[in-house]
Amino acid sequence: MISLLIGIAAAAAASTLYSVGIGVQAVDARQAGHEHALRISLLRHLLTRARWLSGTAMTAAGWPLQIVALLFAPLEVVQPALAIGLLVLLAMGERMLGERPGRRELIAVLWIVGGVAGLAALAPPRTTHHVHGIALVLTLGLLGFAALLPFLAQLLGRSIPNLTMVGAGLAFAWSGLVTKFVADAASNQHWIAAVVWAAAAASASIVGLTAEMSALQTRAAILVAPVVFVAQTFVPIALAPLVLHESFLHTPLSGIPLLGCLCVLLAGATMIARSPALLAISRQREAA
């Protein structure tokens, strides 16, 4: 239980950095020209912005904490626990507004806290191994192809904002799944494999970051954040039975209660991501 609590605490710290970082990044992303959407030139442009770099530094600092979380807790707990960072943003937004949380926000907080607690209670035992061979190649290959669809559409002269949001979430899901492999390799002291997996996860994060920043150019953060979060949380857990020896199918009632807790948590996260308090943070930063 102590290890599980350490894992959740590390995931909470990582998610706080992720959430605050993306809030900072969103401001400069919306100010970038639309001609940079889904192009590496978008990142080159944003790399000249000190504010965007500070937000990127926050998200980068969160990734090692996510690895630490996976060293102590199973993927089925760590990925959903990344929702805790939204609670920090909610507190910041409420402070800016000078108002107490409404019923909607309080319900969302209860759902997130209850969902994380339920997942922790029902989580499968953590393992330090994953499958290899064709199952792994097919899973990562198909997920990677799906994440690249917004870029393929752009090459064909089509810009689909909703597809871009989903693609960002899938790229981060790929990175989250591979981050588990980094933790597995580190646990078994396979350092070369850990470095290779870490490089792959970083590459996927760059793809996800480009798609997410492109989505933020045409969609509000309160629309982009829930889509990206749900995809990057649910997809790795859904794929866990295919590539991990720890799986929600190994929990009571074949994972149905655990998936129920996950749905409750995702609903709460979506409610908070659409909260006026979080919108207030975006407006404050744009006015800064």
Protein backbone atom coordinates (compact mmCIF):
# COMPACT_ATOMS: atom_id res chain seq x y z
CA MET A 1 0.00 0.00 0.00
CA ILE A 2 2.88 2.39 0.78
CA SER A 3 4.29 1.86 -2.71
CA LEU A 4 0.89 2.54 -4.23
CA LEU A 5 0.55 5.80 -2.29
CA ILE A 6 4.04 6.88 -3.38
CA GLY A 7 3.07 6.15 -6.98
CA ILE A 8 -0.12 8.19 -6.71
CA ALA A 9 1.75 11.08 -5.08
CA ALA A 10 4.35 11.07 -7.87
CA ALA A 11 1.59 10.95 -10.52
CA ALA A 12 -0.17 13.86 -8.81
CA ALA A 13 3.03 15.91 -8.87
CA ALA A 14 3.59 15.05 -12.54
CA SER A 15 0.03 15.93 -13.47
CA THR A 16 0.27 19.26 -11.69
CA LEU A 17 3.27 20.20 -13.80
CA TYR A 18 1.56 18.90 -16.96
CA SER A 19 -1.65 20.84 -16.30
CA VAL A 20 -0.02 24.15 -15.39
CA GLY A 21 2.44 23.77 -18.26
CA ILE A 22 -0.21 23.26 -20.92
CA GLY A 23 -2.12 26.25 -19.57
CA VAL A 24 0.95 28.42 -20.09
CA GLN A 25 1.71 26.93 -23.52
CA ALA A 26 -1.85 27.49 -24.78
CA VAL A 27 -1.52 31.27 -24.78
CA ASP A 28 1.38 31.43 -27.25
CA ALA A 29 -0.02 28.55 -29.32
CA ARG A 30 -3.19 30.55 -30.02
CA GLN A 31 -1.12 33.55 -31.06
CA ALA A 32 0.91 31.58 -33.63
CA GLY A 33 -0.08 31.79 -37.29
CA HIS A 34 -2.41 29.09 -38.61
CA GLU A 35 0.00 28.41 -41.45
CA HIS A 36 2.21 26.63 -38.90
CA ALA A 37 -0.49 24.12 -37.88
CA LEU A 38 0.74 20.50 -37.76
CA ARG A 39 4.17 21.56 -38.99
CA ILE A 40 7.53 21.48 -37.25
CA SER A 41 7.69 25.22 -37.98
CA LEU A 42 5.08 25.67 -35.25
CA LEU A 43 7.49 24.34 -32.65
CA ARG A 44 10.33 26.42 -34.11
CA HIS A 45 8.14 29.50 -33.77
CA LEU A 46 7.10 28.65 -30.21
CA LEU A 47 10.67 27.93 -29.18
CA THR A 48 11.34 31.67 -29.51
CA ARG A 49 8.70 32.47 -26.88
CA ALA A 50 9.98 32.62 -23.30
CA ARG A 51 6.53 32.01 -21.83
CA TRP A 52 5.96 28.92 -23.97
CA LEU A 53 9.41 27.62 -23.02
CA SER A 54 8.56 27.98 -19.34
CA GLY A 55 5.39 25.95 -19.86
CA THR A 56 7.34 23.33 -21.80
CA ALA A 57 9.89 23.14 -18.99
CA MET A 58 7.07 22.38 -16.56
CA THR A 59 5.69 19.56 -18.70
CA ALA A 60 9.19 18.17 -19.27
CA ALA A 61 9.81 18.15 -15.52
CA GLY A 62 6.63 16.15 -15.04
CA TRP A 63 7.77 13.22 -17.18
CA PRO A 64 10.48 11.87 -14.80
CA LEU A 65 7.89 12.00 -12.02
CA GLN A 66 5.56 9.90 -14.17
CA ILE A 67 8.33 7.32 -14.54
CA VAL A 68 8.79 7.33 -10.76
CA ALA A 69 5.06 6.80 -10.35
CA LEU A 70 5.22 3.76 -12.65
CA LEU A 71 8.07 2.35 -10.58
CA PHE A 72 5.71 2.16 -7.60
CA ALA A 73 2.19 1.77 -9.03
CA PRO A 74 0.55 -0.03 -11.97
CA LEU A 75 -0.32 1.77 -15.19
CA GLU A 76 -4.05 1.42 -14.41
CA VAL A 77 -3.56 3.73 -11.43
CA VAL A 78 -0.88 6.10 -12.71
CA GLN A 79 -2.58 7.19 -15.95
CA PRO A 80 -5.93 8.10 -14.33
CA ALA A 81 -4.16 9.75 -11.37
CA LEU A 82 -2.86 12.33 -13.84
CA ALA A 83 -6.31 13.93 -13.45
CA ILE A 84 -5.29 15.22 -10.03
CA GLY A 85 -3.46 18.11 -11.68
CA LEU A 86 -6.83 19.47 -12.79
CA LEU A 87 -7.72 19.99 -9.13
CA VAL A 88 -4.70 22.26 -8.80
CA LEU A 89 -5.82 24.26 -11.83
CA LEU A 90 -9.32 24.46 -10.38
CA ALA A 91 -7.98 25.91 -7.13
CA MET A 92 -5.92 28.45 -9.09
CA GLY A 93 -8.91 29.44 -11.20
CA GLU A 94 -11.19 29.82 -8.22
CA ARG A 95 -8.60 32.03 -6.54
CA MET A 96 -8.45 34.27 -9.62
CA LEU A 97 -12.24 34.55 -9.71
CA GLY A 98 -12.50 35.14 -5.98
CA GLU A 99 -15.46 32.76 -5.80
CA ARG A 100 -16.10 29.51 -3.97
CA PRO A 101 -16.46 26.35 -6.06
CA GLY A 102 -19.99 25.67 -7.28
CA ARG A 103 -21.92 22.44 -7.05
CA ARG A 104 -20.62 21.31 -10.45
CA GLU A 105 -16.99 21.68 -9.38
CA LEU A 106 -17.53 20.04 -6.00
CA ILE A 107 -19.20 17.04 -7.63
CA ALA A 108 -16.35 16.79 -10.14
CA VAL A 109 -13.78 16.87 -7.32
CA LEU A 110 -15.60 14.07 -5.50
CA TRP A 111 -15.76 12.01 -8.67
CA ILE A 112 -12.04 12.41 -9.34
CA VAL A 113 -11.01 11.66 -5.75
CA GLY A 114 -13.44 8.75 -5.54
CA GLY A 115 -12.33 7.42 -8.92
CA VAL A 116 -8.64 7.48 -7.99
CA ALA A 117 -9.39 5.85 -4.61
CA GLY A 118 -11.44 3.13 -6.31
CA LEU A 119 -8.73 2.48 -8.90
CA ALA A 120 -6.11 2.24 -6.16
CA ALA A 121 -8.24 -0.29 -4.26
CA LEU A 122 -8.98 -2.42 -7.34
CA ALA A 123 -5.68 -2.10 -9.22
CA PRO A 124 -3.92 -5.25 -10.42
CA PRO A 125 -0.50 -6.06 -8.95
CA ARG A 126 2.32 -4.07 -10.51
CA THR A 127 4.68 -6.03 -12.73
CA THR A 128 8.01 -5.15 -14.31
CA HIS A 129 7.58 -7.08 -17.56
CA HIS A 130 5.65 -6.66 -20.80
CA VAL A 131 5.11 -8.75 -23.90
CA HIS A 132 7.43 -8.72 -26.90
CA GLY A 133 7.13 -9.71 -30.53
CA ILE A 134 4.26 -9.26 -32.95
CA ALA A 135 1.70 -8.24 -30.32
CA LEU A 136 3.84 -5.34 -29.19
CA VAL A 137 4.78 -4.26 -32.72
CA LEU A 138 1.17 -4.33 -33.94
CA THR A 139 -0.19 -2.50 -30.91
CA LEU A 140 2.37 0.30 -31.02
CA GLY A 141 2.30 0.43 -34.82
CA LEU A 142 -1.46 0.82 -35.12
CA LEU A 143 -1.64 3.32 -32.26
CA GLY A 144 1.20 5.32 -33.78
CA PHE A 145 -0.48 5.33 -37.19
CA ALA A 146 -3.73 6.60 -35.64
CA ALA A 147 -1.81 9.38 -33.86
CA LEU A 148 -0.29 10.49 -37.18
CA LEU A 149 -3.62 10.73 -39.02
CA PRO A 150 -3.93 14.53 -38.48
CA PHE A 151 -0.55 15.00 -40.16
CA LEU A 152 -1.54 12.73 -43.06
CA ALA A 153 -4.76 14.71 -43.47
CA GLN A 154 -2.72 17.93 -43.53
CA LEU A 155 -0.52 16.51 -46.30
CA LEU A 156 -3.71 15.83 -48.29
CA GLY A 157 -4.75 19.45 -47.86
CA ARG A 158 -7.38 18.86 -45.18
CA SER A 159 -7.42 20.37 -41.70
CA ILE A 160 -9.72 18.59 -39.24
CA PRO A 161 -9.52 20.20 -35.78
CA ASN A 162 -11.36 17.39 -33.99
CA LEU A 163 -9.04 14.81 -35.54
CA THR A 164 -6.08 16.91 -34.45
CA MET A 165 -7.28 16.88 -30.83
CA VAL A 166 -7.77 13.12 -30.88
CA GLY A 167 -4.42 12.62 -32.60
CA ALA A 168 -2.69 14.59 -29.85
CA GLY A 169 -4.32 12.42 -27.21
CA LEU A 170 -3.32 9.22 -29.03
CA ALA A 171 0.28 10.39 -29.38
CA PHE A 172 0.42 11.08 -25.65
CA ALA A 173 -1.24 7.69 -25.05
CA TRP A 174 1.57 6.07 -27.08
CA SER A 175 4.11 7.98 -25.00
CA GLY A 176 2.36 7.01 -21.75
CA LEU A 177 2.34 3.33 -22.68
CA VAL A 178 6.00 3.41 -23.67
CA THR A 179 6.86 5.28 -20.47
CA LYS A 180 5.70 2.13 -18.68
CA PHE A 181 8.32 0.20 -20.70
CA VAL A 182 10.96 2.71 -19.56
CA ALA A 183 10.01 1.99 -15.95
CA ASP A 184 10.06 -1.77 -16.59
CA ALA A 185 13.53 -1.60 -18.12
CA ALA A 186 14.82 0.57 -15.28
CA SER A 187 13.37 -1.81 -12.69
CA ASN A 188 15.24 -4.69 -14.31
CA GLN A 189 18.40 -2.60 -14.76
CA HIS A 190 18.23 -2.88 -18.56
CA TRP A 191 19.60 0.60 -19.06
CA ILE A 192 20.12 0.51 -22.82
CA ALA A 193 16.51 -0.59 -23.33
CA ALA A 194 15.39 2.16 -20.94
CA VAL A 195 17.23 4.80 -22.97
CA VAL A 196 15.79 3.49 -26.26
CA TRP A 197 12.25 3.44 -24.90
CA ALA A 198 12.75 6.89 -23.37
CA ALA A 199 13.83 8.28 -26.76
CA ALA A 200 10.76 6.71 -28.38
CA ALA A 201 8.48 8.19 -25.72
CA ALA A 202 10.06 11.62 -26.16
CA SER A 203 9.54 11.44 -29.94
CA ALA A 204 5.88 10.56 -29.47
CA SER A 205 5.51 13.44 -27.03
CA ILE A 206 6.89 15.84 -29.64
CA VAL A 207 4.27 14.57 -32.11
CA GLY A 208 1.57 14.95 -29.48
CA LEU A 209 2.81 18.41 -28.52
CA THR A 210 2.74 19.59 -32.14
CA ALA A 211 -0.81 18.28 -32.61
CA GLU A 212 -1.97 19.71 -29.29
CA MET A 213 -0.53 23.17 -30.00
CA SER A 214 -2.14 23.06 -33.46
CA ALA A 215 -5.49 22.15 -31.92
CA LEU A 216 -5.18 25.03 -29.46
CA GLN A 217 -4.89 27.44 -32.40
CA THR A 218 -8.49 26.79 -33.40
CA ARG A 219 -10.12 25.34 -30.28
CA ALA A 220 -10.35 26.64 -26.73
CA ALA A 221 -8.26 24.91 -24.09
CA ILE A 222 -11.44 23.86 -22.25
CA LEU A 223 -12.38 21.85 -25.35
CA VAL A 224 -8.93 20.47 -26.18
CA ALA A 225 -7.93 19.45 -22.65
CA PRO A 226 -10.77 16.95 -22.00
CA VAL A 227 -10.35 15.21 -25.36
CA VAL A 228 -6.58 14.87 -24.98
CA PHE A 229 -6.87 13.76 -21.36
CA VAL A 230 -9.52 11.11 -21.99
CA ALA A 231 -7.56 9.65 -24.92
CA GLN A 232 -4.22 9.56 -23.15
CA THR A 233 -5.81 8.05 -20.04
CA PHE A 234 -8.21 5.47 -21.44
CA VAL A 235 -6.25 4.16 -24.44
CA PRO A 236 -3.19 2.83 -22.53
CA ILE A 237 -5.46 1.09 -20.03
CA ALA A 238 -7.56 -0.40 -22.84
CA LEU A 239 -4.41 -1.70 -24.53
CA ALA A 240 -2.84 -3.02 -21.32
CA PRO A 241 -4.26 -6.56 -21.75
CA LEU A 242 -2.46 -6.80 -25.10
CA VAL A 243 1.02 -5.68 -24.06
CA LEU A 244 1.28 -5.73 -20.26
CA HIS A 245 1.26 -8.53 -17.73
CA GLU A 246 -0.69 -6.18 -15.45
CA SER A 247 -4.22 -5.76 -16.79
CA PHE A 248 -7.60 -4.57 -15.59
CA LEU A 249 -8.87 -8.01 -16.64
CA HIS A 250 -6.94 -9.42 -13.68
CA THR A 251 -9.01 -7.43 -11.17
CA PRO A 252 -12.33 -8.42 -9.49
CA LEU A 253 -15.23 -9.22 -11.85
CA SER A 254 -12.91 -9.10 -14.88
CA GLY A 255 -12.26 -5.39 -14.44
CA ILE A 256 -15.85 -4.13 -14.60
CA PRO A 257 -15.70 -2.28 -11.22
CA LEU A 258 -12.29 -0.84 -12.13
CA LEU A 259 -13.59 0.45 -15.47
CA GLY A 260 -16.57 1.91 -13.64
CA CYS A 261 -14.20 3.87 -11.38
CA LEU A 262 -12.28 4.99 -14.46
CA CYS A 263 -15.47 6.28 -16.11
CA VAL A 264 -16.40 8.19 -12.96
CA LEU A 265 -12.95 9.78 -12.85
CA LEU A 266 -13.04 10.70 -16.54
CA ALA A 267 -16.47 12.28 -16.13
CA GLY A 268 -15.19 14.37 -13.23
CA ALA A 269 -12.06 15.39 -15.15
CA THR A 270 -14.15 16.45 -18.14
CA MET A 271 -16.44 18.54 -15.92
CA ILE A 272 -13.50 20.33 -14.32
CA ALA A 273 -11.72 20.87 -17.65
CA ARG A 274 -14.83 22.73 -18.83
CA SER A 275 -15.14 24.75 -15.62
CA PRO A 276 -15.35 28.57 -15.86
CA ALA A 277 -12.55 28.66 -13.27
CA LEU A 278 -10.12 27.09 -15.71
CA LEU A 279 -11.31 29.45 -18.43
CA ALA A 280 -10.46 32.30 -16.09
CA ILE A 281 -6.84 31.15 -15.96
CA SER A 282 -6.60 31.27 -19.75
CA ARG A 283 -8.07 34.77 -19.91
CA GLN A 284 -5.80 36.04 -17.16
CA ARG A 285 -2.72 34.76 -19.00
CA GLU A 286 -3.85 36.19 -22.32
CA ALA A 287 -4.27 39.60 -20.65
CA ALA A 288 -0.81 39.34 -19.06
